[in-house]
Structures are given as structure tokens and as C-alpha cells.
Amino acid sequence: MSAIRNTIDIDRRPEDVYAYLTDPTHLPEWQDSALSAVPMGDLPVHVGSRIVVTRRIGRRRVPTTMEFTELDPPRSWHVHGVDGPVRPDVRGTIEPLDGGTRSRVTLAVDFEGRGMGRALVPLVVKPVVRKEMPRGEEKLKHLLEHTAP
């Protein structure tokens, strides 16, 4: 399946955007379905760091363990779900704009379905994410542009 990909420009330095996006504790601030994101170790994250992200899906609270598999500050990161029937795969890139005073953020999200998750991904998960993602990116833009570095 193909990833869901969205891009948004943010009036903030790439270093600031990267630091915010790779700190998992910020996830519930800008993603509506994220109830919590708890690191399974110390911050800042490093390759191999794991977090437990709990999302609201309908009336259910669904925890998923995610692992950082790539970090290239302040340009890119990759996290991948390691358990559950639906395993997210998220890649983020940040491109500097205007001499590094602004950033272009691209998020690509895909899912690996296991067991019953194979049916859930195309029928439920991807349509919900396609709807939520633009809203989340607008929240992200607002948060980063209206808070101090």
C-alpha cells in the first residue's frame, strides 16, 4: 500500500521543528487521536528508543509500541510500530526554507496489518488518518509558530 503523505510549511527553524517532533511527549498536543505518548527510557530519543503511544480509536484506547529506527537531526526521522495488529510506519523530513528561518515538513504514514489488522488498515485506519492528518498538521503549525523557541 502507499503511504499517506502531507506537507506543511512552518515559520520556525528546522532545528526547533525537529526537536519538537522527535520529542514523543508532544504527540498528544497536535494529534487528536493520541491520548498519550510515554517514552520507555530517557529523553532525548535515540535510534532504538521505544515509546508507547495510546490512541483513541472509536471508544477504545489502543496502545502501540513504536521504535525510532532512524534519526538524522534536523532533517529526518523514522519510527515503526513493533506490536499489535496495526503497526504504523512514520517517516518525517524537514527541509530548510528561506535560509533556514522556516521549515517544510513532510510526514509519510503507512501501516502494516497483521491478522485482523490486514482488513482494518484499508477499511478503517487509513480513512481516519487521511481525515485527521491535515488537522494535526495545522495544529502543529499553530503550536510551533505561536510558542517561544
N, C-alpha and C. Protein backbone atom coordinates (compact mmCIF):
# COMPACT_ATOMS: atom_id res chain seq x y z
N MET A 1 0.84 -1.19 0.00
CA MET A 1 0.00 0.00 0.00
C MET A 1 0.88 1.24 0.00
N SER A 2 0.32 2.33 -0.44
CA SER A 2 1.09 3.56 -0.49
C SER A 2 0.85 4.38 0.78
N ALA A 3 1.89 5.10 1.14
CA ALA A 3 1.84 5.92 2.35
C ALA A 3 0.93 7.13 2.14
N ILE A 4 0.36 7.61 3.22
CA ILE A 4 -0.37 8.88 3.23
C ILE A 4 0.69 9.94 3.47
N ARG A 5 0.76 10.92 2.58
CA ARG A 5 1.84 11.90 2.64
C ARG A 5 1.25 13.31 2.62
N ASN A 6 1.66 14.12 3.59
CA ASN A 6 1.25 15.53 3.65
C ASN A 6 2.46 16.40 3.92
N THR A 7 2.41 17.62 3.40
CA THR A 7 3.49 18.59 3.59
C THR A 7 2.90 19.90 4.08
N ILE A 8 3.63 20.54 5.00
CA ILE A 8 3.19 21.83 5.52
C ILE A 8 4.42 22.69 5.78
N ASP A 9 4.31 23.98 5.49
CA ASP A 9 5.39 24.94 5.77
C ASP A 9 5.14 25.58 7.12
N ILE A 10 6.21 25.70 7.92
CA ILE A 10 6.11 26.23 9.27
C ILE A 10 7.15 27.34 9.44
N ASP A 11 6.71 28.47 9.98
CA ASP A 11 7.60 29.60 10.21
C ASP A 11 8.40 29.38 11.50
N ARG A 12 9.33 28.43 11.41
CA ARG A 12 10.19 28.08 12.54
C ARG A 12 11.41 27.37 11.99
N ARG A 13 12.54 27.53 12.65
CA ARG A 13 13.80 26.91 12.20
C ARG A 13 13.70 25.38 12.20
N PRO A 14 14.36 24.71 11.26
CA PRO A 14 14.32 23.24 11.23
C PRO A 14 14.75 22.60 12.55
N GLU A 15 15.73 23.17 13.22
CA GLU A 15 16.20 22.60 14.49
C GLU A 15 15.08 22.59 15.54
N ASP A 16 14.31 23.67 15.59
CA ASP A 16 13.20 23.76 16.54
C ASP A 16 12.09 22.76 16.20
N VAL A 17 11.77 22.67 14.92
CA VAL A 17 10.71 21.77 14.46
C VAL A 17 11.12 20.32 14.73
N TYR A 18 12.36 19.98 14.42
CA TYR A 18 12.86 18.62 14.63
C TYR A 18 12.82 18.25 16.12
N ALA A 19 13.29 19.17 16.97
CA ALA A 19 13.31 18.89 18.41
C ALA A 19 11.89 18.63 18.93
N TYR A 20 10.93 19.40 18.45
CA TYR A 20 9.54 19.24 18.89
C TYR A 20 8.97 17.91 18.39
N LEU A 21 9.16 17.62 17.12
CA LEU A 21 8.55 16.43 16.52
C LEU A 21 9.18 15.13 17.00
N THR A 22 10.43 15.14 17.39
CA THR A 22 11.07 13.91 17.85
C THR A 22 11.01 13.76 19.37
N ASP A 23 10.36 14.68 20.06
CA ASP A 23 10.07 14.52 21.48
C ASP A 23 8.67 13.92 21.56
N PRO A 24 8.57 12.63 21.85
CA PRO A 24 7.26 11.97 21.78
C PRO A 24 6.23 12.53 22.75
N THR A 25 6.66 13.18 23.81
CA THR A 25 5.69 13.70 24.78
C THR A 25 4.80 14.78 24.19
N HIS A 26 5.20 15.37 23.05
CA HIS A 26 4.39 16.41 22.40
C HIS A 26 3.27 15.85 21.52
N LEU A 27 3.33 14.58 21.20
CA LEU A 27 2.37 13.99 20.25
C LEU A 27 0.90 14.30 20.59
N PRO A 28 0.45 14.14 21.83
CA PRO A 28 -0.96 14.43 22.12
C PRO A 28 -1.34 15.90 21.97
N GLU A 29 -0.36 16.79 21.92
CA GLU A 29 -0.65 18.21 21.76
C GLU A 29 -1.17 18.53 20.36
N TRP A 30 -0.75 17.75 19.36
CA TRP A 30 -1.13 18.10 17.99
C TRP A 30 -1.84 16.99 17.22
N GLN A 31 -1.93 15.79 17.79
CA GLN A 31 -2.67 14.72 17.12
C GLN A 31 -3.91 14.38 17.95
N ASP A 32 -5.08 14.58 17.37
CA ASP A 32 -6.34 14.39 18.09
C ASP A 32 -6.52 13.00 18.67
N SER A 33 -6.12 11.96 17.97
CA SER A 33 -6.35 10.60 18.45
C SER A 33 -5.33 10.15 19.49
N ALA A 34 -4.21 10.85 19.61
CA ALA A 34 -3.17 10.46 20.58
C ALA A 34 -3.56 10.91 21.98
N LEU A 35 -3.78 9.95 22.85
CA LEU A 35 -4.11 10.25 24.25
C LEU A 35 -2.85 10.43 25.08
N SER A 36 -1.82 9.62 24.78
CA SER A 36 -0.54 9.74 25.49
C SER A 36 0.57 9.15 24.64
N ALA A 37 1.79 9.58 24.94
CA ALA A 37 2.99 9.04 24.31
C ALA A 37 4.06 9.01 25.40
N VAL A 38 4.37 7.82 25.87
CA VAL A 38 5.24 7.67 27.02
C VAL A 38 6.54 6.99 26.60
N PRO A 39 7.68 7.69 26.78
CA PRO A 39 8.97 7.08 26.45
C PRO A 39 9.26 5.89 27.37
N MET A 40 9.87 4.86 26.81
CA MET A 40 10.28 3.69 27.59
C MET A 40 11.78 3.82 27.90
N GLY A 41 12.17 4.96 28.36
CA GLY A 41 13.58 5.25 28.64
C GLY A 41 13.77 6.75 28.71
N ASP A 42 15.00 7.15 28.71
CA ASP A 42 15.32 8.57 28.84
C ASP A 42 15.16 9.33 27.53
N LEU A 43 14.90 10.62 27.68
CA LEU A 43 14.90 11.55 26.55
C LEU A 43 16.23 12.27 26.56
N PRO A 44 16.73 12.78 25.46
CA PRO A 44 16.12 12.71 24.14
C PRO A 44 16.20 11.30 23.56
N VAL A 45 15.35 11.07 22.57
CA VAL A 45 15.32 9.75 21.93
C VAL A 45 16.59 9.53 21.12
N HIS A 46 16.87 8.26 20.86
CA HIS A 46 17.99 7.85 20.03
C HIS A 46 17.51 6.64 19.22
N VAL A 47 18.29 6.23 18.24
CA VAL A 47 17.91 5.04 17.46
C VAL A 47 17.79 3.88 18.44
N GLY A 48 16.66 3.20 18.38
CA GLY A 48 16.38 2.11 19.31
C GLY A 48 15.45 2.51 20.44
N SER A 49 15.25 3.82 20.66
CA SER A 49 14.31 4.27 21.70
C SER A 49 12.91 3.78 21.36
N ARG A 50 12.18 3.42 22.40
CA ARG A 50 10.79 2.99 22.22
C ARG A 50 9.86 3.88 23.02
N ILE A 51 8.66 4.04 22.48
CA ILE A 51 7.61 4.80 23.16
C ILE A 51 6.32 4.00 23.06
N VAL A 52 5.45 4.19 24.03
CA VAL A 52 4.12 3.58 23.95
C VAL A 52 3.14 4.70 23.67
N VAL A 53 2.52 4.64 22.51
CA VAL A 53 1.52 5.63 22.10
C VAL A 53 0.14 5.01 22.28
N THR A 54 -0.69 5.67 23.08
CA THR A 54 -2.06 5.20 23.27
C THR A 54 -2.98 6.13 22.50
N ARG A 55 -3.78 5.54 21.62
CA ARG A 55 -4.69 6.30 20.77
C ARG A 55 -6.13 5.92 21.07
N ARG A 56 -7.00 6.87 20.84
CA ARG A 56 -8.43 6.60 20.92
C ARG A 56 -8.88 6.22 19.51
N ILE A 57 -9.41 5.03 19.39
CA ILE A 57 -9.95 4.57 18.12
C ILE A 57 -11.38 4.16 18.40
N GLY A 58 -12.31 5.01 17.98
CA GLY A 58 -13.70 4.81 18.36
C GLY A 58 -13.82 5.02 19.85
N ARG A 59 -14.32 4.01 20.55
CA ARG A 59 -14.45 4.08 22.01
C ARG A 59 -13.31 3.38 22.72
N ARG A 60 -12.41 2.80 21.96
CA ARG A 60 -11.32 2.02 22.54
C ARG A 60 -10.05 2.83 22.70
N ARG A 61 -9.28 2.46 23.72
CA ARG A 61 -7.93 3.00 23.92
C ARG A 61 -6.97 1.91 23.45
N VAL A 62 -6.16 2.22 22.43
CA VAL A 62 -5.30 1.21 21.83
C VAL A 62 -3.83 1.62 21.98
N PRO A 63 -3.06 0.87 22.79
CA PRO A 63 -1.63 1.17 22.92
C PRO A 63 -0.83 0.49 21.81
N THR A 64 0.19 1.18 21.34
CA THR A 64 1.11 0.62 20.34
C THR A 64 2.52 1.01 20.73
N THR A 65 3.43 0.05 20.69
CA THR A 65 4.84 0.34 20.95
C THR A 65 5.49 0.74 19.63
N MET A 66 6.15 1.90 19.66
CA MET A 66 6.83 2.43 18.47
C MET A 66 8.33 2.50 18.76
N GLU A 67 9.14 2.25 17.74
CA GLU A 67 10.60 2.30 17.90
C GLU A 67 11.20 3.27 16.88
N PHE A 68 12.09 4.13 17.36
CA PHE A 68 12.84 5.01 16.46
C PHE A 68 13.90 4.18 15.76
N THR A 69 13.82 4.13 14.43
CA THR A 69 14.77 3.33 13.65
C THR A 69 15.79 4.19 12.92
N GLU A 70 15.49 5.48 12.73
CA GLU A 70 16.42 6.41 12.09
C GLU A 70 16.23 7.79 12.70
N LEU A 71 17.34 8.48 12.92
CA LEU A 71 17.33 9.88 13.36
C LEU A 71 18.47 10.59 12.66
N ASP A 72 18.16 11.65 11.92
CA ASP A 72 19.18 12.44 11.23
C ASP A 72 18.86 13.92 11.48
N PRO A 73 19.23 14.43 12.67
CA PRO A 73 18.88 15.81 13.02
C PRO A 73 19.54 16.83 12.11
N PRO A 74 18.91 17.90 11.74
CA PRO A 74 17.50 18.21 11.91
C PRO A 74 16.70 17.89 10.65
N ARG A 75 17.09 16.82 9.92
CA ARG A 75 16.50 16.56 8.62
C ARG A 75 15.42 15.49 8.57
N SER A 76 15.59 14.39 9.33
CA SER A 76 14.63 13.30 9.15
C SER A 76 14.61 12.36 10.35
N TRP A 77 13.53 11.58 10.41
CA TRP A 77 13.39 10.54 11.43
C TRP A 77 12.44 9.49 10.89
N HIS A 78 12.49 8.32 11.53
CA HIS A 78 11.64 7.20 11.14
C HIS A 78 11.28 6.43 12.40
N VAL A 79 9.99 6.20 12.61
CA VAL A 79 9.52 5.36 13.72
C VAL A 79 8.61 4.29 13.15
N HIS A 80 8.65 3.12 13.79
CA HIS A 80 7.90 1.98 13.28
C HIS A 80 7.25 1.24 14.44
N GLY A 81 5.98 0.85 14.26
CA GLY A 81 5.27 0.06 15.26
C GLY A 81 5.84 -1.34 15.34
N VAL A 82 6.00 -1.85 16.56
CA VAL A 82 6.60 -3.17 16.74
C VAL A 82 5.65 -4.20 17.34
N ASP A 83 4.40 -3.78 17.62
CA ASP A 83 3.44 -4.75 18.15
C ASP A 83 2.02 -4.38 17.72
N GLY A 84 1.10 -5.30 17.96
CA GLY A 84 -0.30 -5.05 17.65
C GLY A 84 -0.69 -5.44 16.24
N PRO A 85 -2.00 -5.48 15.99
CA PRO A 85 -2.49 -5.87 14.67
C PRO A 85 -2.31 -4.80 13.59
N VAL A 86 -2.17 -3.54 14.01
CA VAL A 86 -1.92 -2.45 13.07
C VAL A 86 -0.64 -1.75 13.51
N ARG A 87 0.39 -1.81 12.67
CA ARG A 87 1.70 -1.26 13.02
C ARG A 87 2.02 -0.06 12.13
N PRO A 88 1.98 1.13 12.71
CA PRO A 88 2.28 2.34 11.94
C PRO A 88 3.74 2.40 11.52
N ASP A 89 3.98 3.05 10.42
CA ASP A 89 5.32 3.33 9.93
C ASP A 89 5.33 4.81 9.53
N VAL A 90 6.08 5.61 10.27
CA VAL A 90 6.05 7.06 10.09
C VAL A 90 7.44 7.56 9.73
N ARG A 91 7.50 8.29 8.63
CA ARG A 91 8.75 8.95 8.21
C ARG A 91 8.50 10.44 8.13
N GLY A 92 9.41 11.20 8.72
CA GLY A 92 9.31 12.65 8.67
C GLY A 92 10.57 13.25 8.09
N THR A 93 10.39 14.29 7.27
CA THR A 93 11.53 15.03 6.74
C THR A 93 11.28 16.51 6.94
N ILE A 94 12.37 17.23 7.14
CA ILE A 94 12.31 18.68 7.30
C ILE A 94 13.30 19.30 6.34
N GLU A 95 12.78 20.20 5.53
CA GLU A 95 13.59 20.89 4.53
C GLU A 95 13.67 22.36 4.94
N PRO A 96 14.90 22.92 5.04
CA PRO A 96 15.01 24.34 5.39
C PRO A 96 14.52 25.23 4.25
N LEU A 97 13.84 26.31 4.63
CA LEU A 97 13.36 27.31 3.68
C LEU A 97 13.90 28.68 4.10
N ASP A 98 14.01 29.58 3.16
CA ASP A 98 14.40 30.96 3.44
C ASP A 98 15.65 31.04 4.31
N GLY A 99 16.70 30.34 3.90
CA GLY A 99 17.97 30.40 4.61
C GLY A 99 17.93 29.76 5.99
N GLY A 100 17.00 28.86 6.22
CA GLY A 100 16.92 28.16 7.49
C GLY A 100 16.05 28.84 8.54
N THR A 101 15.30 29.87 8.13
CA THR A 101 14.41 30.54 9.09
C THR A 101 13.03 29.90 9.13
N ARG A 102 12.70 29.09 8.11
CA ARG A 102 11.42 28.41 8.02
C ARG A 102 11.67 26.95 7.66
N SER A 103 10.63 26.13 7.76
CA SER A 103 10.77 24.70 7.51
C SER A 103 9.61 24.17 6.68
N ARG A 104 9.93 23.21 5.84
CA ARG A 104 8.90 22.44 5.13
C ARG A 104 8.92 21.02 5.71
N VAL A 105 7.82 20.64 6.34
CA VAL A 105 7.72 19.34 7.00
C VAL A 105 6.88 18.42 6.13
N THR A 106 7.41 17.24 5.85
CA THR A 106 6.67 16.21 5.13
C THR A 106 6.56 15.00 6.04
N LEU A 107 5.33 14.56 6.25
CA LEU A 107 5.07 13.35 7.03
C LEU A 107 4.48 12.30 6.11
N ALA A 108 5.03 11.10 6.17
CA ALA A 108 4.53 9.98 5.39
C ALA A 108 4.18 8.86 6.37
N VAL A 109 2.92 8.44 6.35
CA VAL A 109 2.44 7.43 7.29
C VAL A 109 1.88 6.25 6.51
N ASP A 110 2.34 5.07 6.86
CA ASP A 110 1.79 3.86 6.28
C ASP A 110 1.53 2.87 7.41
N PHE A 111 0.92 1.76 7.10
CA PHE A 111 0.54 0.80 8.13
C PHE A 111 0.77 -0.61 7.64
N GLU A 112 1.22 -1.44 8.55
CA GLU A 112 1.37 -2.86 8.29
C GLU A 112 0.29 -3.57 9.10
N GLY A 113 -0.58 -4.29 8.44
CA GLY A 113 -1.64 -5.02 9.13
C GLY A 113 -1.24 -6.45 9.37
N ARG A 114 -1.47 -6.92 10.59
CA ARG A 114 -1.21 -8.31 10.95
C ARG A 114 -2.52 -8.93 11.43
N GLY A 115 -2.81 -10.14 11.03
CA GLY A 115 -4.05 -10.79 11.45
C GLY A 115 -5.25 -9.96 11.02
N MET A 116 -6.13 -9.65 11.99
CA MET A 116 -7.32 -8.86 11.67
C MET A 116 -6.96 -7.45 11.23
N GLY A 117 -5.75 -7.00 11.54
CA GLY A 117 -5.28 -5.68 11.12
C GLY A 117 -5.21 -5.52 9.62
N ARG A 118 -5.02 -6.62 8.89
CA ARG A 118 -4.98 -6.54 7.42
C ARG A 118 -6.27 -5.97 6.85
N ALA A 119 -7.39 -6.32 7.45
CA ALA A 119 -8.67 -5.80 6.99
C ALA A 119 -8.92 -4.39 7.51
N LEU A 120 -8.45 -4.10 8.72
CA LEU A 120 -8.69 -2.80 9.33
C LEU A 120 -7.94 -1.66 8.65
N VAL A 121 -6.74 -1.93 8.17
CA VAL A 121 -5.92 -0.86 7.59
C VAL A 121 -6.64 -0.14 6.45
N PRO A 122 -7.07 -0.82 5.39
CA PRO A 122 -7.70 -0.09 4.28
C PRO A 122 -9.13 0.38 4.57
N LEU A 123 -9.84 -0.35 5.41
CA LEU A 123 -11.25 -0.04 5.65
C LEU A 123 -11.48 1.01 6.73
N VAL A 124 -10.64 1.03 7.75
CA VAL A 124 -10.87 1.90 8.89
C VAL A 124 -9.70 2.85 9.14
N VAL A 125 -8.51 2.30 9.27
CA VAL A 125 -7.36 3.08 9.73
C VAL A 125 -6.96 4.17 8.75
N LYS A 126 -6.73 3.82 7.51
CA LYS A 126 -6.28 4.83 6.54
C LYS A 126 -7.31 5.94 6.31
N PRO A 127 -8.60 5.64 6.19
CA PRO A 127 -9.56 6.74 6.03
C PRO A 127 -9.56 7.70 7.23
N VAL A 128 -9.44 7.16 8.44
CA VAL A 128 -9.40 8.02 9.63
C VAL A 128 -8.15 8.89 9.62
N VAL A 129 -7.02 8.30 9.29
CA VAL A 129 -5.75 9.05 9.27
C VAL A 129 -5.77 10.12 8.17
N ARG A 130 -6.31 9.80 7.01
CA ARG A 130 -6.40 10.80 5.93
C ARG A 130 -7.20 12.03 6.37
N LYS A 131 -8.21 11.80 7.21
CA LYS A 131 -9.04 12.89 7.70
C LYS A 131 -8.34 13.66 8.82
N GLU A 132 -7.69 12.94 9.72
CA GLU A 132 -7.07 13.57 10.90
C GLU A 132 -5.76 14.28 10.58
N MET A 133 -4.99 13.77 9.65
CA MET A 133 -3.63 14.28 9.41
C MET A 133 -3.58 15.77 9.05
N PRO A 134 -4.38 16.28 8.13
CA PRO A 134 -4.32 17.71 7.84
C PRO A 134 -4.66 18.58 9.05
N ARG A 135 -5.62 18.15 9.85
CA ARG A 135 -5.98 18.88 11.06
C ARG A 135 -4.80 18.91 12.04
N GLY A 136 -4.15 17.78 12.18
CA GLY A 136 -3.00 17.68 13.07
C GLY A 136 -1.86 18.56 12.62
N GLU A 137 -1.62 18.60 11.32
CA GLU A 137 -0.54 19.45 10.82
C GLU A 137 -0.85 20.93 11.03
N GLU A 138 -2.09 21.31 10.90
CA GLU A 138 -2.45 22.71 11.18
C GLU A 138 -2.25 23.05 12.65
N LYS A 139 -2.61 22.12 13.53
CA LYS A 139 -2.35 22.31 14.96
C LYS A 139 -0.86 22.44 15.23
N LEU A 140 -0.07 21.56 14.60
CA LEU A 140 1.37 21.59 14.74
C LEU A 140 1.92 22.94 14.32
N LYS A 141 1.50 23.42 13.17
CA LYS A 141 1.94 24.72 12.65
C LYS A 141 1.61 25.83 13.65
N HIS A 142 0.38 25.83 14.15
CA HIS A 142 -0.05 26.86 15.10
C HIS A 142 0.80 26.81 16.38
N LEU A 143 0.98 25.62 16.92
CA LEU A 143 1.75 25.47 18.15
C LEU A 143 3.19 25.98 17.98
N LEU A 144 3.82 25.57 16.88
CA LEU A 144 5.22 25.94 16.69
C LEU A 144 5.40 27.43 16.33
N GLU A 145 4.44 28.00 15.64
CA GLU A 145 4.58 29.39 15.25
C GLU A 145 4.17 30.37 16.36
N HIS A 146 3.48 29.87 17.37
CA HIS A 146 2.99 30.76 18.43
C HIS A 146 3.55 30.45 19.80
N THR A 147 4.67 29.72 19.86
CA THR A 147 5.36 29.49 21.13
C THR A 147 6.80 29.91 21.00
N ALA A 148 7.40 30.25 22.11
CA ALA A 148 8.81 30.70 22.09
C ALA A 148 9.72 29.50 21.82
N PRO A 149 10.85 29.75 21.15
CA PRO A 149 11.80 28.66 20.88
C PRO A 149 12.36 28.05 22.16
